[in-house]
């Protein structure tokens, strides 16, 4: 099986040459291939996004409950409920599945809270 590189170089995201890509997402995949991300995808109203960000910033300072101790704060979605809810937001999951499942080996997208 051969593949076409999509997204940033080194991202590992690729479309199999024999993949069946539904017509309604071809434009999105083309943009993803060109830009390396998909979006913007509106998830929250501005006030809600600001409140979530405030909560995350406060909780991000306390690393006592972080699952993995590291200097980069990786995987904080595992111990910060607001981040967990964000990364499992139905819109993120459906968009990731839409552009990732079946057409690419793994999703590789960046999402924005901006409208």
Protein backbone atom coordinates (compact mmCIF):
# COMPACT_ATOMS: atom_id res chain seq x y z
CA UNK A 1 0.00 0.00 0.00
CA UNK A 2 1.34 3.46 -0.88
CA UNK A 3 0.40 6.64 0.91
CA UNK A 4 0.28 10.38 0.28
CA UNK A 5 1.84 12.55 3.01
CA UNK A 6 -0.60 15.03 4.53
CA UNK A 7 -0.12 17.60 7.23
CA UNK A 8 3.23 18.87 8.48
CA UNK A 9 6.32 16.92 7.48
CA UNK A 10 7.08 14.35 10.15
CA UNK A 11 3.51 14.28 11.46
CA UNK A 12 3.03 10.72 10.22
CA UNK A 13 -0.39 11.60 8.81
CA UNK A 14 -1.03 10.05 5.43
CA UNK A 15 -3.85 9.03 3.11
CA UNK A 16 -3.64 5.57 1.57
CA UNK A 17 -3.67 5.86 -2.20
CA UNK A 18 -6.53 3.35 -2.34
CA UNK A 19 -8.58 5.13 0.39
CA UNK A 20 -12.21 5.83 -0.37
CA UNK A 21 -12.74 9.48 0.55
CA UNK A 22 -16.37 10.66 0.72
CA UNK A 23 -17.11 13.62 -1.57
CA UNK A 24 -18.41 15.79 1.29
CA UNK A 25 -15.02 15.84 3.07
CA UNK A 26 -12.62 16.08 0.11
CA UNK A 27 -12.35 19.88 0.44
CA UNK A 28 -11.58 19.56 4.15
CA UNK A 29 -8.88 16.97 3.49
CA UNK A 30 -7.40 19.14 0.73
CA UNK A 31 -7.20 22.09 3.16
CA UNK A 32 -5.69 19.77 5.79
CA UNK A 33 -3.09 18.56 3.28
CA UNK A 34 -2.23 22.15 2.37
CA UNK A 35 -2.33 23.72 5.85
CA UNK A 36 -1.54 20.84 8.23
CA UNK A 37 -4.62 21.48 10.36
CA UNK A 38 -8.38 21.73 10.08
CA UNK A 39 -10.51 24.52 11.41
CA UNK A 40 -11.49 26.76 12.81
CA UNK A 41 -14.13 24.67 14.50
CA UNK A 42 -16.33 26.65 16.88
CA UNK A 43 -16.72 24.85 20.18
CA UNK A 44 -17.64 27.53 22.69
CA UNK A 45 -19.06 31.00 22.99
CA UNK A 46 -16.35 33.55 23.86
CA UNK A 47 -17.42 33.91 27.51
CA UNK A 48 -17.48 30.14 28.02
CA UNK A 49 -14.06 29.75 26.36
CA UNK A 50 -12.60 32.48 28.59
CA UNK A 51 -13.97 30.77 31.73
CA UNK A 52 -12.60 27.37 30.70
CA UNK A 53 -9.21 28.90 29.94
CA UNK A 54 -9.16 30.66 33.32
CA UNK A 55 -9.93 27.40 35.14
CA UNK A 56 -7.32 25.46 33.17
CA UNK A 57 -4.63 28.07 33.83
CA UNK A 58 -5.32 28.00 37.56
CA UNK A 59 -5.39 24.19 37.76
CA UNK A 60 -2.37 23.83 35.48
CA UNK A 61 -0.19 25.47 38.15
CA UNK A 62 -0.87 22.64 40.61
CA UNK A 63 0.99 19.54 39.41
CA UNK A 64 0.40 17.49 42.57
CA UNK A 65 -2.32 15.43 40.84
CA UNK A 66 -0.68 15.13 37.42
CA UNK A 67 -0.39 11.53 36.28
CA UNK A 68 3.01 11.96 34.66
CA UNK A 69 5.64 14.17 36.25
CA UNK A 70 7.35 16.11 33.48
CA UNK A 71 8.47 19.66 32.79
CA UNK A 72 6.15 20.10 29.78
CA UNK A 73 2.82 19.42 31.55
CA UNK A 74 1.92 16.67 29.07
CA UNK A 75 -1.28 14.70 29.58
CA UNK A 76 -2.89 17.18 31.95
CA UNK A 77 -6.25 16.23 30.42
CA UNK A 78 -6.00 13.19 32.68
CA UNK A 79 -6.19 15.23 35.90
CA UNK A 80 -7.82 18.53 34.89
CA UNK A 81 -11.55 17.97 34.28
CA UNK A 82 -11.92 21.04 32.03
CA UNK A 83 -9.21 19.71 29.72
CA UNK A 84 -10.70 16.24 29.77
CA UNK A 85 -14.09 17.65 28.75
CA UNK A 86 -12.42 19.73 26.05
CA UNK A 87 -10.47 16.88 24.41
CA UNK A 88 -13.59 14.69 24.47
CA UNK A 89 -15.89 17.45 23.20
CA UNK A 90 -18.33 15.84 20.72
CA UNK A 91 -17.45 18.36 18.00
CA UNK A 92 -13.73 17.61 18.29
CA UNK A 93 -14.36 13.88 18.22
CA UNK A 94 -16.72 14.01 15.25
CA UNK A 95 -14.42 16.32 13.28
CA UNK A 96 -11.37 14.20 14.08
CA UNK A 97 -13.21 11.05 13.06
CA UNK A 98 -14.53 12.74 9.94
CA UNK A 99 -11.08 13.74 8.71
CA UNK A 100 -9.08 11.01 10.36
CA UNK A 101 -10.93 7.72 10.49
CA UNK A 102 -10.61 5.70 7.32
CA UNK A 103 -8.88 8.35 5.23
CA UNK A 104 -5.78 8.83 7.37
CA UNK A 105 -3.73 6.51 9.53
CA UNK A 106 -4.20 8.75 12.56
CA UNK A 107 -5.86 12.09 13.20
CA UNK A 108 -3.52 15.05 13.24
CA UNK A 109 -5.53 18.23 13.65
CA UNK A 110 -5.46 21.49 15.51
CA UNK A 111 -8.70 23.04 16.70
CA UNK A 112 -9.53 26.58 17.66
CA UNK A 113 -12.14 28.09 19.97
CA UNK A 114 -12.34 31.14 17.70
CA UNK A 115 -15.36 31.65 15.48
